[in-house]
Amino acid sequence: MPTTCEHLDPAGTAETPPARTPEGCEECLADGGRWVHLRLCTSCGHVGCCDSSPSRHATAHHGSTGHPVVRSFEPGETWRWCYLDRTLAEA
């Protein structure tokens, strides 16, 4: 039975705010850190680094704000992840 998630728009069409720092991870840019891949918070437009990055800023952002969903901020990737339900969705 598939896992359902009330936080993920089933069609992937919910409007996401523009990226606050389209050039990279907001915190890494501020502190000189580095990232592997980027994630975009669909609630506020925060750009954070993934869990393979040293600082894991996207997950930290979820922890401090409770914002449930991120989407990949990598070219050609359309997936979204809900932290609360631990659910992956394709757009």
PDB file of N, CA and C in Angstrom:
ATOM      1  N   MET A   1       0.848  -1.185   0.000  1.00  0.00           N
ATOM      2  CA  MET A   1       0.000   0.000   0.000  1.00  0.00           C
ATOM      3  C   MET A   1       0.888   1.242   0.000  1.00  0.00           C
ATOM      4  N   PRO A   2       0.689   2.195  -0.933  1.00  0.00           N
ATOM      5  CA  PRO A   2       1.525   3.389  -0.999  1.00  0.00           C
ATOM      6  C   PRO A   2       1.329   4.289   0.220  1.00  0.00           C
ATOM      7  N   THR A   3       2.408   4.933   0.593  1.00  0.00           N
ATOM      8  CA  THR A   3       2.344   5.884   1.688  1.00  0.00           C
ATOM      9  C   THR A   3       1.761   7.192   1.170  1.00  0.00           C
ATOM     10  N   THR A   4       0.841   7.778   1.912  1.00  0.00           N
ATOM     11  CA  THR A   4       0.275   9.056   1.515  1.00  0.00           C
ATOM     12  C   THR A   4       0.823  10.146   2.410  1.00  0.00           C
ATOM     13  N   CYS A   5       0.796  11.338   1.894  1.00  0.00           N
ATOM     14  CA  CYS A   5       1.318  12.482   2.624  1.00  0.00           C
ATOM     15  C   CYS A   5       0.456  13.695   2.316  1.00  0.00           C
ATOM     16  N   GLU A   6      -0.093  14.278   3.343  1.00  0.00           N
ATOM     17  CA  GLU A   6      -0.955  15.449   3.141  1.00  0.00           C
ATOM     18  C   GLU A   6      -0.162  16.712   2.810  1.00  0.00           C
ATOM     19  N   HIS A   7       1.149  16.684   2.981  1.00  0.00           N
ATOM     20  CA  HIS A   7       1.980  17.868   2.749  1.00  0.00           C
ATOM     21  C   HIS A   7       2.458  18.006   1.316  1.00  0.00           C
ATOM     22  N   LEU A   8       2.454  16.903   0.580  1.00  0.00           N
ATOM     23  CA  LEU A   8       2.911  16.919  -0.806  1.00  0.00           C
ATOM     24  C   LEU A   8       1.729  17.116  -1.738  1.00  0.00           C
ATOM     25  N   ASP A   9       1.798  18.142  -2.551  1.00  0.00           N
ATOM     26  CA  ASP A   9       0.790  18.384  -3.575  1.00  0.00           C
ATOM     27  C   ASP A   9       0.844  17.213  -4.548  1.00  0.00           C
ATOM     28  N   PRO A  10      -0.253  16.474  -4.721  1.00  0.00           N
ATOM     29  CA  PRO A  10      -0.212  15.268  -5.556  1.00  0.00           C
ATOM     30  C   PRO A  10       0.261  15.525  -6.983  1.00  0.00           C
ATOM     31  N   ALA A  11      -0.058  16.669  -7.531  1.00  0.00           N
ATOM     32  CA  ALA A  11       0.348  16.954  -8.908  1.00  0.00           C
ATOM     33  C   ALA A  11       1.688  17.669  -8.969  1.00  0.00           C
ATOM     34  N   GLY A  12       2.224  18.076  -7.830  1.00  0.00           N
ATOM     35  CA  GLY A  12       3.497  18.794  -7.829  1.00  0.00           C
ATOM     36  C   GLY A  12       3.382  20.198  -8.388  1.00  0.00           C
ATOM     37  N   THR A  13       2.161  20.755  -8.330  1.00  0.00           N
ATOM     38  CA  THR A  13       1.925  22.043  -8.975  1.00  0.00           C
ATOM     39  C   THR A  13       1.829  23.209  -7.995  1.00  0.00           C
ATOM     40  N   ALA A  14       1.914  22.927  -6.703  1.00  0.00           N
ATOM     41  CA  ALA A  14       1.824  24.023  -5.732  1.00  0.00           C
ATOM     42  C   ALA A  14       2.956  25.015  -5.988  1.00  0.00           C
ATOM     43  N   GLU A  15       2.632  26.282  -5.915  1.00  0.00           N
ATOM     44  CA  GLU A  15       3.626  27.312  -6.181  1.00  0.00           C
ATOM     45  C   GLU A  15       4.638  27.386  -5.039  1.00  0.00           C
ATOM     46  N   THR A  16       5.912  27.364  -5.402  1.00  0.00           N
ATOM     47  CA  THR A  16       7.003  27.479  -4.436  1.00  0.00           C
ATOM     48  C   THR A  16       7.523  28.906  -4.487  1.00  0.00           C
ATOM     49  N   PRO A  17       7.766  29.518  -3.324  1.00  0.00           N
ATOM     50  CA  PRO A  17       8.349  30.864  -3.332  1.00  0.00           C
ATOM     51  C   PRO A  17       9.699  30.851  -4.051  1.00  0.00           C
ATOM     52  N   PRO A  18      10.115  31.982  -4.601  1.00  0.00           N
ATOM     53  CA  PRO A  18      11.417  32.022  -5.275  1.00  0.00           C
ATOM     54  C   PRO A  18      12.554  31.743  -4.288  1.00  0.00           C
ATOM     55  N   ALA A  19      13.622  31.178  -4.808  1.00  0.00           N
ATOM     56  CA  ALA A  19      14.799  30.885  -3.984  1.00  0.00           C
ATOM     57  C   ALA A  19      15.382  32.179  -3.430  1.00  0.00           C
ATOM     58  N   ARG A  20      15.621  32.182  -2.129  1.00  0.00           N
ATOM     59  CA  ARG A  20      16.201  33.371  -1.487  1.00  0.00           C
ATOM     60  C   ARG A  20      17.658  33.557  -1.890  1.00  0.00           C
ATOM     61  N   THR A  21      18.366  32.470  -2.108  1.00  0.00           N
ATOM     62  CA  THR A  21      19.766  32.535  -2.560  1.00  0.00           C
ATOM     63  C   THR A  21      19.945  31.551  -3.711  1.00  0.00           C
ATOM     64  N   PRO A  22      19.529  31.920  -4.919  1.00  0.00           N
ATOM     65  CA  PRO A  22      19.607  30.987  -6.040  1.00  0.00           C
ATOM     66  C   PRO A  22      21.025  30.566  -6.391  1.00  0.00           C
ATOM     67  N   GLU A  23      22.011  31.282  -5.880  1.00  0.00           N
ATOM     68  CA  GLU A  23      23.401  30.942  -6.181  1.00  0.00           C
ATOM     69  C   GLU A  23      23.959  29.826  -5.293  1.00  0.00           C
ATOM     70  N   GLY A  24      23.216  29.419  -4.253  1.00  0.00           N
ATOM     71  CA  GLY A  24      23.690  28.315  -3.424  1.00  0.00           C
ATOM     72  C   GLY A  24      23.049  28.280  -2.054  1.00  0.00           C
ATOM     73  N   CYS A  25      23.581  27.406  -1.204  1.00  0.00           N
ATOM     74  CA  CYS A  25      23.079  27.233   0.162  1.00  0.00           C
ATOM     75  C   CYS A  25      23.242  28.535   0.944  1.00  0.00           C
ATOM     76  N   GLU A  26      22.158  28.985   1.516  1.00  0.00           N
ATOM     77  CA  GLU A  26      22.146  30.268   2.225  1.00  0.00           C
ATOM     78  C   GLU A  26      23.205  30.331   3.328  1.00  0.00           C
ATOM     79  N   GLU A  27      23.241  29.310   4.171  1.00  0.00           N
ATOM     80  CA  GLU A  27      24.186  29.321   5.292  1.00  0.00           C
ATOM     81  C   GLU A  27      25.623  29.087   4.830  1.00  0.00           C
ATOM     82  N   CYS A  28      25.832  28.184   3.875  1.00  0.00           N
ATOM     83  CA  CYS A  28      27.186  27.941   3.369  1.00  0.00           C
ATOM     84  C   CYS A  28      27.763  29.190   2.702  1.00  0.00           C
ATOM     85  N   LEU A  29      26.932  29.917   1.973  1.00  0.00           N
ATOM     86  CA  LEU A  29      27.400  31.160   1.363  1.00  0.00           C
ATOM     87  C   LEU A  29      27.819  32.163   2.439  1.00  0.00           C
ATOM     88  N   ALA A  30      27.073  32.203   3.542  1.00  0.00           N
ATOM     89  CA  ALA A  30      27.365  33.155   4.622  1.00  0.00           C
ATOM     90  C   ALA A  30      28.619  32.780   5.401  1.00  0.00           C
ATOM     91  N   ASP A  31      28.862  31.455   5.578  1.00  0.00           N
ATOM     92  CA  ASP A  31      29.986  31.058   6.435  1.00  0.00           C
ATOM     93  C   ASP A  31      31.148  30.410   5.682  1.00  0.00           C
ATOM     94  N   GLY A  32      31.104  30.423   4.371  1.00  0.00           N
ATOM     95  CA  GLY A  32      32.205  29.874   3.578  1.00  0.00           C
ATOM     96  C   GLY A  32      32.207  28.363   3.480  1.00  0.00           C
ATOM     97  N   GLY A  33      31.069  27.739   3.782  1.00  0.00           N
ATOM     98  CA  GLY A  33      30.968  26.278   3.714  1.00  0.00           C
ATOM     99  C   GLY A  33      30.849  25.792   2.280  1.00  0.00           C
ATOM    100  N   ARG A  34      30.705  24.482   2.148  1.00  0.00           N
ATOM    101  CA  ARG A  34      30.543  23.889   0.813  1.00  0.00           C
ATOM    102  C   ARG A  34      29.361  22.923   0.835  1.00  0.00           C
ATOM    103  N   TRP A  35      28.836  22.660  -0.329  1.00  0.00           N
ATOM    104  CA  TRP A  35      27.692  21.770  -0.422  1.00  0.00           C
ATOM    105  C   TRP A  35      27.890  20.767  -1.546  1.00  0.00           C
ATOM    106  N   VAL A  36      27.094  19.689  -1.485  1.00  0.00           N
ATOM    107  CA  VAL A  36      27.109  18.661  -2.518  1.00  0.00           C
ATOM    108  C   VAL A  36      25.928  18.886  -3.459  1.00  0.00           C
ATOM    109  N   HIS A  37      24.706  18.934  -2.901  1.00  0.00           N
ATOM    110  CA  HIS A  37      23.492  19.184  -3.668  1.00  0.00           C
ATOM    111  C   HIS A  37      22.628  20.156  -2.876  1.00  0.00           C
ATOM    112  N   LEU A  38      21.699  20.790  -3.575  1.00  0.00           N
ATOM    113  CA  LEU A  38      20.862  21.812  -2.943  1.00  0.00           C
ATOM    114  C   LEU A  38      19.401  21.396  -2.885  1.00  0.00           C
ATOM    115  N   ARG A  39      18.713  21.886  -1.854  1.00  0.00           N
ATOM    116  CA  ARG A  39      17.291  21.645  -1.640  1.00  0.00           C
ATOM    117  C   ARG A  39      16.601  22.989  -1.433  1.00  0.00           C
ATOM    118  N   LEU A  40      15.388  23.121  -1.946  1.00  0.00           N
ATOM    119  CA  LEU A  40      14.609  24.356  -1.839  1.00  0.00           C
ATOM    120  C   LEU A  40      13.387  24.107  -0.971  1.00  0.00           C
ATOM    121  N   CYS A  41      13.234  24.873   0.101  1.00  0.00           N
ATOM    122  CA  CYS A  41      12.067  24.774   0.972  1.00  0.00           C
ATOM    123  C   CYS A  41      10.866  25.322   0.212  1.00  0.00           C
ATOM    124  N   THR A  42       9.812  24.505   0.117  1.00  0.00           N
ATOM    125  CA  THR A  42       8.630  24.932  -0.631  1.00  0.00           C
ATOM    126  C   THR A  42       7.735  25.868   0.174  1.00  0.00           C
ATOM    127  N   SER A  43       8.042  26.062   1.450  1.00  0.00           N
ATOM    128  CA  SER A  43       7.259  26.992   2.274  1.00  0.00           C
ATOM    129  C   SER A  43       7.777  28.421   2.183  1.00  0.00           C
ATOM    130  N   CYS A  44       9.125  28.582   2.165  1.00  0.00           N
ATOM    131  CA  CYS A  44       9.673  29.939   2.276  1.00  0.00           C
ATOM    132  C   CYS A  44      10.761  30.282   1.264  1.00  0.00           C
ATOM    133  N   GLY A  45      11.221  29.328   0.466  1.00  0.00           N
ATOM    134  CA  GLY A  45      12.256  29.610  -0.523  1.00  0.00           C
ATOM    135  C   GLY A  45      13.684  29.513   0.003  1.00  0.00           C
ATOM    136  N   HIS A  46      13.876  29.001   1.211  1.00  0.00           N
ATOM    137  CA  HIS A  46      15.223  28.804   1.749  1.00  0.00           C
ATOM    138  C   HIS A  46      15.952  27.761   0.898  1.00  0.00           C
ATOM    139  N   VAL A  47      17.188  28.052   0.529  1.00  0.00           N
ATOM    140  CA  VAL A  47      18.024  27.091  -0.178  1.00  0.00           C
ATOM    141  C   VAL A  47      19.035  26.545   0.822  1.00  0.00           C
ATOM    142  N   GLY A  48      19.017  25.228   1.004  1.00  0.00           N
ATOM    143  CA  GLY A  48      19.933  24.583   1.936  1.00  0.00           C
ATOM    144  C   GLY A  48      20.635  23.417   1.284  1.00  0.00           C
ATOM    145  N   CYS A  49      21.736  23.005   1.890  1.00  0.00           N
ATOM    146  CA  CYS A  49      22.500  21.875   1.361  1.00  0.00           C
ATOM    147  C   CYS A  49      21.920  20.554   1.867  1.00  0.00           C
ATOM    148  N   CYS A  50      22.148  19.498   1.093  1.00  0.00           N
ATOM    149  CA  CYS A  50      21.583  18.178   1.365  1.00  0.00           C
ATOM    150  C   CYS A  50      22.298  17.475   2.519  1.00  0.00           C
ATOM    151  N   ASP A  51      21.787  16.318   2.884  1.00  0.00           N
ATOM    152  CA  ASP A  51      22.368  15.548   3.983  1.00  0.00           C
ATOM    153  C   ASP A  51      23.702  14.900   3.623  1.00  0.00           C
ATOM    154  N   SER A  52      24.097  14.895   2.356  1.00  0.00           N
ATOM    155  CA  SER A  52      25.427  14.429   1.966  1.00  0.00           C
ATOM    156  C   SER A  52      26.459  15.548   2.100  1.00  0.00           C
ATOM    157  N   SER A  53      25.996  16.759   2.332  1.00  0.00           N
ATOM    158  CA  SER A  53      26.880  17.909   2.529  1.00  0.00           C
ATOM    159  C   SER A  53      27.323  17.961   3.987  1.00  0.00           C
ATOM    160  N   PRO A  54      28.482  18.559   4.263  1.00  0.00           N
ATOM    161  CA  PRO A  54      28.989  18.576   5.640  1.00  0.00           C
ATOM    162  C   PRO A  54      28.031  19.183   6.668  1.00  0.00           C
ATOM    163  N   SER A  55      27.308  20.220   6.309  1.00  0.00           N
ATOM    164  CA  SER A  55      26.508  20.933   7.312  1.00  0.00           C
ATOM    165  C   SER A  55      25.024  20.601   7.320  1.00  0.00           C
ATOM    166  N   ARG A  56      24.521  19.947   6.305  1.00  0.00           N
ATOM    167  CA  ARG A  56      23.119  19.505   6.257  1.00  0.00           C
ATOM    168  C   ARG A  56      22.129  20.623   6.578  1.00  0.00           C
ATOM    169  N   HIS A  57      22.293  21.758   5.925  1.00  0.00           N
ATOM    170  CA  HIS A  57      21.478  22.930   6.252  1.00  0.00           C
ATOM    171  C   HIS A  57      20.003  22.790   5.893  1.00  0.00           C
ATOM    172  N   ALA A  58      19.655  22.012   4.863  1.00  0.00           N
ATOM    173  CA  ALA A  58      18.232  21.845   4.530  1.00  0.00           C
ATOM    174  C   ALA A  58      17.491  21.142   5.663  1.00  0.00           C
ATOM    175  N   THR A  59      18.072  20.075   6.187  1.00  0.00           N
ATOM    176  CA  THR A  59      17.447  19.361   7.302  1.00  0.00           C
ATOM    177  C   THR A  59      17.428  20.224   8.555  1.00  0.00           C
ATOM    178  N   ALA A  60      18.488  20.983   8.787  1.00  0.00           N
ATOM    179  CA  ALA A  60      18.520  21.894   9.940  1.00  0.00           C
ATOM    180  C   ALA A  60      17.424  22.953   9.820  1.00  0.00           C
ATOM    181  N   HIS A  61      17.188  23.436   8.617  1.00  0.00           N
ATOM    182  CA  HIS A  61      16.117  24.414   8.390  1.00  0.00           C
ATOM    183  C   HIS A  61      14.772  23.804   8.756  1.00  0.00           C
ATOM    184  N   HIS A  62      14.533  22.580   8.314  1.00  0.00           N
ATOM    185  CA  HIS A  62      13.287  21.906   8.694  1.00  0.00           C
ATOM    186  C   HIS A  62      13.189  21.810  10.218  1.00  0.00           C
ATOM    187  N   GLY A  63      14.267  21.429  10.866  1.00  0.00           N
ATOM    188  CA  GLY A  63      14.259  21.275  12.322  1.00  0.00           C
ATOM    189  C   GLY A  63      13.954  22.562  13.062  1.00  0.00           C
ATOM    190  N   SER A  64      14.434  23.674  12.544  1.00  0.00           N
ATOM    191  CA  SER A  64      14.218  24.946  13.242  1.00  0.00           C
ATOM    192  C   SER A  64      12.899  25.624  12.875  1.00  0.00           C
ATOM    193  N   THR A  65      12.328  25.295  11.711  1.00  0.00           N
ATOM    194  CA  THR A  65      11.106  25.974  11.265  1.00  0.00           C
ATOM    195  C   THR A  65       9.879  25.072  11.254  1.00  0.00           C
ATOM    196  N   GLY A  66      10.102  23.768  11.104  1.00  0.00           N
ATOM    197  CA  GLY A  66       8.978  22.847  10.943  1.00  0.00           C
ATOM    198  C   GLY A  66       8.428  22.809   9.527  1.00  0.00           C
ATOM    199  N   HIS A  67       9.032  23.546   8.607  1.00  0.00           N
ATOM    200  CA  HIS A  67       8.573  23.509   7.213  1.00  0.00           C
ATOM    201  C   HIS A  67       8.747  22.086   6.700  1.00  0.00           C
ATOM    202  N   PRO A  68       7.674  21.469   6.199  1.00  0.00           N
ATOM    203  CA  PRO A  68       7.709  20.028   5.946  1.00  0.00           C
ATOM    204  C   PRO A  68       8.350  19.567   4.639  1.00  0.00           C
ATOM    205  N   VAL A  69       8.294  20.374   3.574  1.00  0.00           N
ATOM    206  CA  VAL A  69       8.651  19.857   2.249  1.00  0.00           C
ATOM    207  C   VAL A  69       9.790  20.654   1.614  1.00  0.00           C
ATOM    208  N   VAL A  70      10.724  19.909   1.007  1.00  0.00           N
ATOM    209  CA  VAL A  70      11.756  20.502   0.154  1.00  0.00           C
ATOM    210  C   VAL A  70      11.644  19.855  -1.210  1.00  0.00           C
ATOM    211  N   ARG A  71      12.158  20.548  -2.180  1.00  0.00           N
ATOM    212  CA  ARG A  71      12.300  19.946  -3.502  1.00  0.00           C
ATOM    213  C   ARG A  71      13.757  20.062  -3.907  1.00  0.00           C
ATOM    214  N   SER A  72      14.149  19.201  -4.822  1.00  0.00           N
ATOM    215  CA  SER A  72      15.513  19.295  -5.319  1.00  0.00           C
ATOM    216  C   SER A  72      15.697  20.642  -6.002  1.00  0.00           C
ATOM    217  N   PHE A  73      16.854  21.233  -5.783  1.00  0.00           N
ATOM    218  CA  PHE A  73      17.189  22.489  -6.449  1.00  0.00           C
ATOM    219  C   PHE A  73      18.332  22.237  -7.433  1.00  0.00           C
ATOM    220  N   GLU A  74      18.348  21.015  -7.974  1.00  0.00           N
ATOM    221  CA  GLU A  74      19.347  20.616  -8.954  1.00  0.00           C
ATOM    222  C   GLU A  74      18.708  20.600 -10.339  1.00  0.00           C
ATOM    223  N   PRO A  75      19.436  21.052 -11.358  1.00  0.00           N
ATOM    224  CA  PRO A  75      18.888  21.052 -12.725  1.00  0.00           C
ATOM    225  C   PRO A  75      18.441  19.651 -13.149  1.00  0.00           C
ATOM    226  N   GLY A  76      17.247  19.578 -13.721  1.00  0.00           N
ATOM    227  CA  GLY A  76      16.724  18.325 -14.245  1.00  0.00           C
ATOM    228  C   GLY A  76      16.071  17.411 -13.222  1.00  0.00           C
ATOM    229  N   GLU A  77      16.110  17.755 -11.935  1.00  0.00           N
ATOM    230  CA  GLU A  77      15.486  16.929 -10.904  1.00  0.00           C
ATOM    231  C   GLU A  77      14.169  17.556 -10.473  1.00  0.00           C
ATOM    232  N   THR A  78      13.130  16.723 -10.315  1.00  0.00           N
ATOM    233  CA  THR A  78      11.793  17.243 -10.000  1.00  0.00           C
ATOM    234  C   THR A  78      11.206  16.663  -8.724  1.00  0.00           C
ATOM    235  N   TRP A  79      11.955  15.855  -8.001  1.00  0.00           N
ATOM    236  CA  TRP A  79      11.402  15.198  -6.825  1.00  0.00           C
ATOM    237  C   TRP A  79      11.236  16.167  -5.650  1.00  0.00           C
ATOM    238  N   ARG A  80      10.343  15.762  -4.740  1.00  0.00           N
ATOM    239  CA  ARG A  80      10.088  16.502  -3.493  1.00  0.00           C
ATOM    240  C   ARG A  80      10.129  15.522  -2.336  1.00  0.00           C
ATOM    241  N   TRP A  81      10.488  16.010  -1.154  1.00  0.00           N
ATOM    242  CA  TRP A  81      10.617  15.167   0.038  1.00  0.00           C
ATOM    243  C   TRP A  81       9.879  15.818   1.197  1.00  0.00           C
ATOM    244  N   CYS A  82       9.062  15.022   1.890  1.00  0.00           N
ATOM    245  CA  CYS A  82       8.391  15.491   3.093  1.00  0.00           C
ATOM    246  C   CYS A  82       9.139  14.936   4.302  1.00  0.00           C
ATOM    247  N   TYR A  83       9.692  15.828   5.114  1.00  0.00           N
ATOM    248  CA  TYR A  83      10.409  15.423   6.316  1.00  0.00           C
ATOM    249  C   TYR A  83       9.471  14.784   7.340  1.00  0.00           C
ATOM    250  N   LEU A  84       8.256  15.299   7.462  1.00  0.00           N
ATOM    251  CA  LEU A  84       7.340  14.813   8.489  1.00  0.00           C
ATOM    252  C   LEU A  84       6.895  13.374   8.234  1.00  0.00           C
ATOM    253  N   ASP A  85       6.552  13.077   6.989  1.00  0.00           N
ATOM    254  CA  ASP A  85       6.057  11.749   6.650  1.00  0.00           C
ATOM    255  C   ASP A  85       7.121  10.860   6.008  1.00  0.00           C
ATOM    256  N   ARG A  86       8.327  11.416   5.834  1.00  0.00           N
ATOM    257  CA  ARG A  86       9.433  10.677   5.222  1.00  0.00           C
ATOM    258  C   ARG A  86       8.978  10.061   3.903  1.00  0.00           C
ATOM    259  N   THR A  87       8.405  10.917   3.051  1.00  0.00           N
ATOM    260  CA  THR A  87       7.811  10.483   1.786  1.00  0.00           C
ATOM    261  C   THR A  87       8.432  11.232   0.620  1.00  0.00           C
ATOM    262  N   LEU A  88       8.742  10.511  -0.437  1.00  0.00           N
ATOM    263  CA  LEU A  88       9.308  11.060  -1.653  1.00  0.00           C
ATOM    264  C   LEU A  88       8.204  11.109  -2.718  1.00  0.00           C
ATOM    265  N   ALA A  89       8.181  12.185  -3.497  1.00  0.00           N
ATOM    266  CA  ALA A  89       7.211  12.300  -4.590  1.00  0.00           C
ATOM    267  C   ALA A  89       7.887  12.885  -5.809  1.00  0.00           C
ATOM    268  N   GLU A  90       7.486  12.419  -6.965  1.00  0.00           N
ATOM    269  CA  GLU A  90       7.936  12.989  -8.226  1.00  0.00           C
ATOM    270  C   GLU A  90       6.897  13.975  -8.729  1.00  0.00           C
ATOM    271  N   ALA A  91       7.381  15.037  -9.351  1.00  0.00           N
ATOM    272  CA  ALA A  91       6.448  16.034  -9.886  1.00  0.00           C
ATOM    273  C   ALA A  91       5.822  15.532 -11.163  1.00  0.00           C
TER     274      ALA A  91
END
